[in-house]
Protein backbone atom coordinates (compact mmCIF):
# COMPACT_ATOMS: atom_id res chain seq x y z
CA UNK A 1 18.77 71.21 -7.32
CA UNK A 2 20.30 72.42 -10.54
CA UNK A 3 22.36 75.54 -10.86
CA UNK A 4 21.16 77.31 -14.00
CA UNK A 5 23.12 79.96 -15.87
CA UNK A 6 21.19 82.84 -17.39
CA UNK A 7 22.74 85.29 -19.82
CA UNK A 8 22.41 88.85 -18.61
CA UNK A 9 23.53 91.48 -21.07
CA UNK A 10 26.55 90.87 -23.25
CA UNK A 11 29.07 89.66 -20.71
CA UNK A 12 27.63 89.08 -17.26
CA UNK A 13 26.39 85.73 -15.99
CA UNK A 14 24.19 85.26 -12.97
CA UNK A 15 22.60 82.24 -11.36
CA UNK A 16 19.12 80.99 -10.75
CA UNK A 17 19.26 78.78 -7.67
CA UNK A 18 15.64 78.14 -6.75
CA UNK A 19 15.96 74.94 -4.74
CA UNK A 20 19.24 75.79 -3.08
CA UNK A 21 18.11 79.35 -2.40
CA UNK A 22 15.14 77.99 -0.48
CA UNK A 23 17.17 75.47 1.51
CA UNK A 24 20.22 77.67 2.14
CA UNK A 25 19.90 81.14 0.64
CA UNK A 26 23.14 82.31 2.25
CA UNK A 27 25.10 79.50 0.59
CA UNK A 28 23.39 80.17 -2.74
CA UNK A 29 24.29 83.84 -2.62
CA UNK A 30 27.84 83.02 -1.62
CA UNK A 31 28.35 80.60 -4.51
CA UNK A 32 27.10 83.15 -7.00
CA UNK A 33 29.49 85.71 -5.52
CA UNK A 34 32.43 83.30 -5.72
CA UNK A 35 32.01 82.62 -9.42
CA UNK A 36 33.64 85.83 -10.59
CA UNK A 37 36.69 85.56 -8.33
CA UNK A 38 37.03 81.90 -9.28
CA UNK A 39 37.16 82.81 -12.97
CA UNK A 40 39.74 85.48 -12.21
CA UNK A 41 41.74 82.79 -10.37
CA UNK A 42 41.93 80.62 -13.48
CA UNK A 43 38.84 78.44 -13.07
CA UNK A 44 36.92 78.16 -16.33
CA UNK A 45 33.21 78.97 -16.25
CA UNK A 46 32.22 75.46 -17.32
CA UNK A 47 34.37 73.99 -14.54
CA UNK A 48 32.83 76.17 -11.85
CA UNK A 49 29.30 75.54 -13.11
CA UNK A 50 29.69 71.77 -13.39
CA UNK A 51 31.18 71.24 -9.95
CA UNK A 52 28.90 73.63 -8.06
CA UNK A 53 25.64 72.86 -9.88
CA UNK A 54 24.33 70.42 -7.25
CA UNK A 55 26.51 71.59 -4.40
CA UNK A 56 24.95 71.74 -0.96
CA UNK A 57 26.84 72.72 2.19
CA UNK A 58 28.09 70.19 4.70
CA UNK A 59 27.79 72.01 7.99
CA UNK A 60 29.63 69.25 9.83
CA UNK A 61 32.88 70.79 8.58
CA UNK A 62 31.95 74.03 10.34
CA UNK A 63 31.47 72.05 13.53
CA UNK A 64 34.95 70.61 13.04
CA UNK A 65 36.35 74.10 12.36
CA UNK A 66 34.83 75.48 15.55
CA UNK A 67 35.48 72.47 17.74
CA UNK A 68 38.05 73.16 20.44
CA UNK A 69 38.69 69.83 22.15
CA UNK A 70 38.98 69.90 25.89
CA UNK A 71 40.84 66.60 25.84
CA UNK A 72 44.50 67.09 24.96
CA UNK A 73 46.79 64.15 24.31
CA UNK A 74 50.01 64.06 26.31
CA UNK A 75 53.04 63.76 24.06
CA UNK A 76 53.58 60.14 25.13
CA UNK A 77 50.04 59.22 24.06
CA UNK A 78 50.41 61.04 20.75
CA UNK A 79 53.64 59.26 19.85
CA UNK A 80 52.53 55.87 21.18
CA UNK A 81 49.67 55.84 18.69
CA UNK A 82 51.62 57.20 15.71
CA UNK A 83 54.89 55.32 16.11
CA UNK A 84 54.01 51.81 17.20
CA UNK A 85 55.36 48.42 16.14
CA UNK A 86 52.43 47.92 13.79
CA UNK A 87 53.34 51.04 11.81
CA UNK A 88 57.06 50.27 11.92
CA UNK A 89 56.48 46.78 10.49
CA UNK A 90 54.20 48.08 7.74
CA UNK A 91 56.61 50.90 6.95
CA UNK A 92 59.50 48.48 6.53
CA UNK A 93 57.36 46.38 4.20
CA UNK A 94 56.56 49.49 2.15
CA UNK A 95 60.25 50.37 1.97
CA UNK A 96 60.90 47.01 0.34
CA UNK A 97 57.78 47.11 -1.87
CA UNK A 98 58.66 50.51 -3.33
CA UNK A 99 62.43 50.32 -3.11
CA UNK A 100 63.09 51.15 -6.76
CA UNK A 101 60.76 54.15 -6.79
CA UNK A 102 62.18 55.42 -3.49
CA UNK A 103 65.73 55.13 -4.80
CA UNK A 104 64.83 57.23 -7.83
CA UNK A 105 63.02 59.72 -5.59
CA UNK A 106 66.12 60.07 -3.42
CA UNK A 107 68.32 60.57 -6.47
CA UNK A 108 66.12 63.38 -7.73
CA UNK A 109 65.19 65.18 -4.50
CA UNK A 110 67.83 64.15 -1.97
CA UNK A 111 65.36 62.88 0.64
CA UNK A 112 66.02 59.40 2.00
CA UNK A 113 63.40 56.61 1.67
CA UNK A 114 62.78 56.21 5.41
CA UNK A 115 61.81 59.85 5.83
CA UNK A 116 59.46 59.81 2.83
CA UNK A 117 57.79 56.59 4.00
CA UNK A 118 57.51 57.95 7.55
CA UNK A 119 55.50 60.93 6.28
CA UNK A 120 53.30 58.54 4.30
CA UNK A 121 52.71 56.36 7.36
CA UNK A 122 51.77 59.20 9.68
CA UNK A 123 49.65 61.10 7.14
CA UNK A 124 47.45 58.31 5.78
CA UNK A 125 48.66 55.06 7.36
CA UNK A 126 50.20 54.14 4.00
CA UNK A 127 47.12 55.00 2.00
CA UNK A 128 44.55 53.40 4.30
CA UNK A 129 43.03 56.63 5.66
CA UNK A 130 42.46 59.30 3.04
CA UNK A 131 39.54 61.09 4.66
CA UNK A 132 35.89 60.91 3.67
CA UNK A 133 34.95 64.49 2.80
CA UNK A 134 34.41 65.43 -0.87
CA UNK A 135 36.80 68.33 -1.27
CA UNK A 136 34.59 70.55 -3.43
CA UNK A 137 31.77 70.29 -0.91
CA UNK A 138 33.96 70.70 2.19
CA UNK A 139 35.95 73.64 0.85
CA UNK A 140 32.88 75.21 -0.75
CA UNK A 141 31.19 75.14 2.64
CA UNK A 142 34.24 76.56 4.40
CA UNK A 143 34.45 79.28 1.77
CA UNK A 144 30.96 80.50 2.65
CA UNK A 145 30.51 79.74 6.35
CA UNK A 146 32.64 80.07 9.45
CA UNK A 147 36.06 81.51 10.06
CA UNK A 148 39.02 81.92 7.68
CA UNK A 149 36.86 82.10 4.57
CA UNK A 150 39.59 83.89 2.61
CA UNK A 151 42.03 81.04 3.17
CA UNK A 152 39.52 78.35 2.27
CA UNK A 153 38.39 80.17 -0.86
CA UNK A 154 41.93 79.99 -2.17
CA UNK A 155 41.93 76.25 -1.54
CA UNK A 156 38.47 75.92 -3.13
CA UNK A 157 39.67 77.57 -6.33
CA UNK A 158 42.78 75.39 -6.33
CA UNK A 159 40.58 72.29 -6.02
CA UNK A 160 38.54 73.36 -9.02
CA UNK A 161 41.72 73.95 -11.02
CA UNK A 162 42.98 70.47 -10.11
CA UNK A 163 39.75 68.97 -11.43
CA UNK A 164 39.91 71.19 -14.47
CA UNK A 165 43.41 69.92 -15.29
CA UNK A 166 42.20 66.31 -15.07
CA UNK A 167 44.73 65.18 -12.48
CA UNK A 168 42.16 63.39 -10.31
CA UNK A 169 38.63 62.18 -11.03
CA UNK A 170 35.97 64.20 -9.16
CA UNK A 171 34.57 61.16 -7.36
CA UNK A 172 38.05 60.29 -6.06
CA UNK A 173 38.86 63.71 -4.68
CA UNK A 174 38.04 63.21 -1.01
CA UNK A 175 40.09 64.08 2.03
CA UNK A 176 40.03 65.71 5.43
CA UNK A 177 37.35 68.17 6.49
CA UNK A 178 39.84 71.02 5.95
CA UNK A 179 40.86 69.96 2.44
CA UNK A 180 44.04 67.87 2.80
CA UNK A 181 43.96 64.85 0.51
CA UNK A 182 45.87 61.92 -0.91
CA UNK A 183 48.48 59.48 0.34
CA UNK A 184 50.47 62.24 1.98
CA UNK A 185 47.67 64.75 2.60
CA UNK A 186 48.52 67.80 0.50
CA UNK A 187 46.36 70.88 0.59
CA UNK A 188 45.12 71.79 -2.92
CA UNK A 189 47.37 74.85 -3.19
CA UNK A 190 50.36 72.75 -2.11
CA UNK A 191 49.42 70.20 -4.76
CA UNK A 192 49.51 72.89 -7.41
CA UNK A 193 52.95 74.06 -6.30
CA UNK A 194 54.68 70.79 -5.62
CA UNK A 195 52.81 67.70 -6.86
CA UNK A 196 54.85 65.57 -9.25
CA UNK A 197 53.90 63.25 -12.10
CA UNK A 198 56.57 60.72 -11.21
CA UNK A 199 55.04 57.73 -12.98
CA UNK A 200 54.91 59.64 -16.27
CA UNK A 201 51.24 59.15 -17.11
CA UNK A 202 50.63 62.86 -17.65
CA UNK A 203 48.83 63.39 -14.33
CA UNK A 204 49.99 64.19 -10.82
CA UNK A 205 47.72 61.87 -8.85
CA UNK A 206 48.17 61.74 -5.11
CA UNK A 207 45.09 59.55 -4.66
CA UNK A 208 45.88 56.54 -6.84
CA UNK A 209 49.58 56.79 -7.71
CA UNK A 210 52.02 55.88 -4.95
CA UNK A 211 55.04 57.01 -7.03
CA UNK A 212 53.47 60.42 -7.56
CA UNK A 213 52.69 60.74 -3.84
CA UNK A 214 56.15 59.70 -2.66
CA UNK A 215 57.90 61.97 -5.14
CA UNK A 216 55.62 64.89 -4.28
CA UNK A 217 56.40 64.46 -0.59
CA UNK A 218 60.13 64.45 -1.25
CA UNK A 219 59.71 67.52 -3.46
CA UNK A 220 57.91 69.29 -0.59
CA UNK A 221 60.72 68.50 1.84
CA UNK A 222 63.38 69.52 -0.65
CA UNK A 223 61.71 72.90 -1.13
CA UNK A 224 61.38 73.22 2.66
CA UNK A 225 65.16 73.10 2.96
CA UNK A 226 65.92 69.41 3.42
CA UNK A 227 69.66 68.81 3.41
CA UNK A 228 70.59 65.53 1.77
CA UNK A 229 72.71 63.15 3.82
CA UNK A 230 72.06 64.89 7.11
CA UNK A 231 70.07 63.78 10.13
CA UNK A 232 67.02 65.48 11.59
CA UNK A 233 68.71 65.35 15.01
CA UNK A 234 69.24 62.88 17.84
CA UNK A 235 68.28 62.07 21.40
CA UNK A 236 70.60 63.50 24.03
CA UNK A 237 71.26 63.18 27.74
CA UNK A 238 70.95 66.38 29.77
CA UNK A 239 73.25 67.01 32.73
CA UNK A 240 71.56 66.89 36.11
CA UNK A 241 69.90 70.17 37.01
CA UNK A 242 70.40 71.84 33.64
CA UNK A 243 67.91 74.63 33.00
CA UNK A 244 66.09 74.57 29.67
CA UNK A 245 64.08 77.80 29.94
CA UNK A 246 64.28 79.73 26.69
CA UNK A 247 65.61 76.80 24.70
CA UNK A 248 63.78 75.47 21.67
CA UNK A 249 63.86 74.48 18.05
CA UNK A 250 64.70 77.98 16.87
CA UNK A 251 67.33 78.75 19.50
CA UNK A 252 70.28 77.16 17.79
CA UNK A 253 73.66 76.94 19.42
CA UNK A 254 76.96 75.46 18.24
CA UNK A 255 77.59 71.85 19.18
CA UNK A 256 80.67 73.02 21.03
CA UNK A 257 78.47 75.12 23.32
CA UNK A 258 76.10 72.23 23.98
CA UNK A 259 79.08 70.00 24.76
CA UNK A 260 80.50 72.61 27.13
CA UNK A 261 77.17 72.68 28.95
CA UNK A 262 77.43 68.96 29.55
CA UNK A 263 75.14 67.46 26.90
CA UNK A 264 76.01 64.04 25.50
CA UNK A 265 74.36 61.66 23.12
CA UNK A 266 71.87 59.47 24.93
CA UNK A 267 74.35 56.57 24.97
CA UNK A 268 76.90 58.80 26.74
CA UNK A 269 79.18 59.42 23.76
CA UNK A 270 80.24 62.94 22.74
CA UNK A 271 78.16 65.16 20.48
CA UNK A 272 79.20 65.69 16.86
CA UNK A 273 82.03 68.16 16.57
CA UNK A 274 80.33 70.65 14.26
CA UNK A 275 76.94 72.11 13.42
CA UNK A 276 74.25 74.16 15.16
CA UNK A 277 71.23 72.67 16.90
CA UNK A 278 68.24 73.62 18.99
CA UNK A 279 67.20 71.78 22.14
CA UNK A 280 63.76 70.19 22.14
CA UNK A 281 62.39 68.75 25.40
CA UNK A 282 58.64 68.24 24.81
CA UNK A 283 57.95 66.87 28.30
CA UNK A 284 60.39 69.01 30.22
CA UNK A 285 63.88 68.23 31.56
CA UNK A 286 62.83 64.87 33.04
CA UNK A 287 61.70 63.39 29.71
CA UNK A 288 63.42 62.60 26.42
CA UNK A 289 65.43 65.51 25.01
CA UNK A 290 66.68 66.08 21.50
CA UNK A 291 69.09 68.29 19.61
CA UNK A 292 67.34 69.12 16.35
CA UNK A 293 69.00 70.24 13.13
CA UNK A 294 67.85 72.00 9.97
CA UNK A 295 66.06 68.93 8.62
CA UNK A 296 63.75 68.92 11.62
CA UNK A 297 62.47 72.31 10.46
CA UNK A 298 61.61 70.79 7.09
CA UNK A 299 59.56 68.10 8.85
CA UNK A 300 57.94 70.76 11.04
CA UNK A 301 56.89 72.71 7.94
CA UNK A 302 54.81 69.77 6.72
CA UNK A 303 52.45 70.24 9.66
CA UNK A 304 53.44 73.05 11.98
CA UNK A 305 53.62 71.16 15.28
CA UNK A 306 56.77 69.99 17.03
CA UNK A 307 55.05 66.81 18.20
CA UNK A 308 54.22 66.01 14.58
CA UNK A 309 57.78 66.65 13.45
CA UNK A 310 59.06 64.42 16.23
CA UNK A 311 56.68 61.63 15.19
CA UNK A 312 57.98 61.73 11.61
CA UNK A 313 61.57 61.88 12.81
CA UNK A 314 61.18 59.02 15.26
CA UNK A 315 59.32 56.80 12.81
CA UNK A 316 62.01 57.38 10.19
CA UNK A 317 64.65 56.30 12.71
CA UNK A 318 62.65 53.19 13.60
CA UNK A 319 62.34 52.32 9.91
CA UNK A 320 66.15 52.47 9.67
CA UNK A 321 66.43 49.95 12.49
CA UNK A 322 66.57 52.27 15.49
CA UNK A 323 64.80 51.56 18.74
CA UNK A 324 62.43 53.46 21.03
CA UNK A 325 63.60 56.54 22.88
CA UNK A 326 66.05 55.65 25.62
CA UNK A 327 64.85 58.16 28.22
CA UNK A 328 61.37 57.23 29.46
CA UNK A 329 58.55 59.74 29.45
CA UNK A 330 57.90 61.27 32.89
CA UNK A 331 54.71 59.35 33.61
CA UNK A 332 53.67 56.28 35.56
CA UNK A 333 50.93 55.58 33.01
CA UNK A 334 52.47 55.28 29.51
CA UNK A 335 50.47 55.56 26.32
CA UNK A 336 48.88 52.81 24.26
CA UNK A 337 49.74 51.54 20.83
CA UNK A 338 46.91 51.28 18.32
CA UNK A 339 46.64 47.53 18.96
CA UNK A 340 46.35 48.23 22.69
CA UNK A 341 43.73 50.90 22.04
CA UNK A 342 41.68 48.41 20.06
CA UNK A 343 42.06 45.93 22.89
CA UNK A 344 40.86 48.55 25.37
CA UNK A 345 37.84 49.32 23.22
CA UNK A 346 36.99 45.62 23.02
CA UNK A 347 37.16 45.35 26.82
CA UNK A 348 34.89 48.39 27.17
CA UNK A 349 32.35 46.77 24.86
CA UNK A 350 32.48 43.56 26.90
CA UNK A 351 31.52 45.65 29.92
CA UNK A 352 28.43 46.89 28.10
CA UNK A 353 29.59 50.27 26.83
CA UNK A 354 28.33 51.53 23.47
CA UNK A 355 31.45 53.13 22.03
CA UNK A 356 30.93 52.54 18.31
CA UNK A 357 33.42 50.67 16.14
CA UNK A 358 36.66 49.19 17.45
CA UNK A 359 39.05 51.33 15.43
CA UNK A 360 41.86 52.28 17.79
CA UNK A 361 40.56 55.86 17.92
CA UNK A 362 39.70 56.83 21.47
CA UNK A 363 37.02 59.40 20.73
CA UNK A 364 34.53 60.95 23.10
CA UNK A 365 32.34 57.83 23.41
CA UNK A 366 35.36 55.73 24.34
CA UNK A 367 36.57 58.37 26.79
CA UNK A 368 33.11 58.57 28.38
CA UNK A 369 33.19 54.82 28.92
CA UNK A 370 36.72 55.03 30.31
CA UNK A 371 35.57 57.65 32.83
CA UNK A 372 32.83 55.33 34.05
CA UNK A 373 35.31 52.48 34.47
CA UNK A 374 37.89 54.71 36.14
CA UNK A 375 35.32 55.79 38.70
CA UNK A 376 34.31 52.18 39.31
CA UNK A 377 37.94 51.16 39.77
CA UNK A 378 38.85 54.07 42.00
CA UNK A 379 41.26 55.57 39.48
CA UNK A 380 41.66 59.21 38.54
CA UNK A 381 38.64 60.06 36.41
CA UNK A 382 40.10 61.82 33.35
CA UNK A 383 38.87 59.72 30.42
CA UNK A 384 42.39 58.99 29.28
CA UNK A 385 43.23 55.59 27.85
CA UNK A 386 46.57 54.52 29.28
CA UNK A 387 48.28 51.40 30.56
CA UNK A 388 46.62 51.60 33.99
CA UNK A 389 43.05 51.32 32.76
CA UNK A 390 44.01 48.68 30.19
CA UNK A 391 45.69 46.50 32.82
CA UNK A 392 42.78 46.93 35.21
CA UNK A 393 40.18 45.90 32.62
CA UNK A 394 42.29 42.93 31.55
CA UNK A 395 41.97 41.71 35.08
CA UNK A 396 38.21 42.14 35.03
């Protein structure tokens, strides 16, 4: 299905899309309508034509856009999978492997190596999980179908400009269904604003250059307000019966006020004498609690979820030699590490369940199998993979 240009008058160009028009006339019309705005946005005609000539929509991205999962991970499950010993060990190895680059990155942007590597680990598992969706196809589809088309069109044009500038080869430009790509999962518009050519080869390449990716991540955090030499925050101990209604990341109070209300560091020592902090208690007053500083907001801006920011913060602490949170999560069924999730999947397969590959990702097929086993074992049937079901299946 070739996209043919036909001259029409002195200046206008229109498209003949016979095959595509028959298979998806709406998409064909949309592409032809996007060409003019793309050119106005700095995409050259030859770039737009070349990269959309054989383009067909991938409607699976619309399914992902519209999918509202009923299954929500508790915070202890989310963090157990993102900050496990496997990722800590690999992160420490990466800190040593890229020590010289990370030192130079810190000198230029003021962001410490552990924080940069923590983002890398959470975003792509240190370059092992980039995403499988060709960005031009995914963002082209999202620009013409579904919700938020205006947003995705901006990212579509940015993707075409990235290809036009020669930063990344077209066949390498794959990522998430929504357009994030590379070692540290930048959106195309973020790439254009903040990506760095740190290895000096004339290209900012987040797919195949680790130095570029690490520097770009530090540049992002610097622009988000990262304050060099300061912590993201710390775990604290709440006084018995303290109310936390109305408290949060944005409700900052002086350390002196928190001290007067009875808060201490989790080891019982006094709080720092100065600074303002917000109180974060993601599982309520009975779970781990944290005073978070300005740098936590920079982490939050990378992916606007407090659980995500806490994962980055905690992993960075672990990479510096810190341990797990001191206060346990308020559950009698803690979460599973990725190794334990793979073990659980293997046990489900041994019991005859068809769950797909053993990948540590407890998707719907795994959860369906877990529900069957929970019912058989007399457990609460919720499809959640926790320590209880793992221990029960270990015992047969």
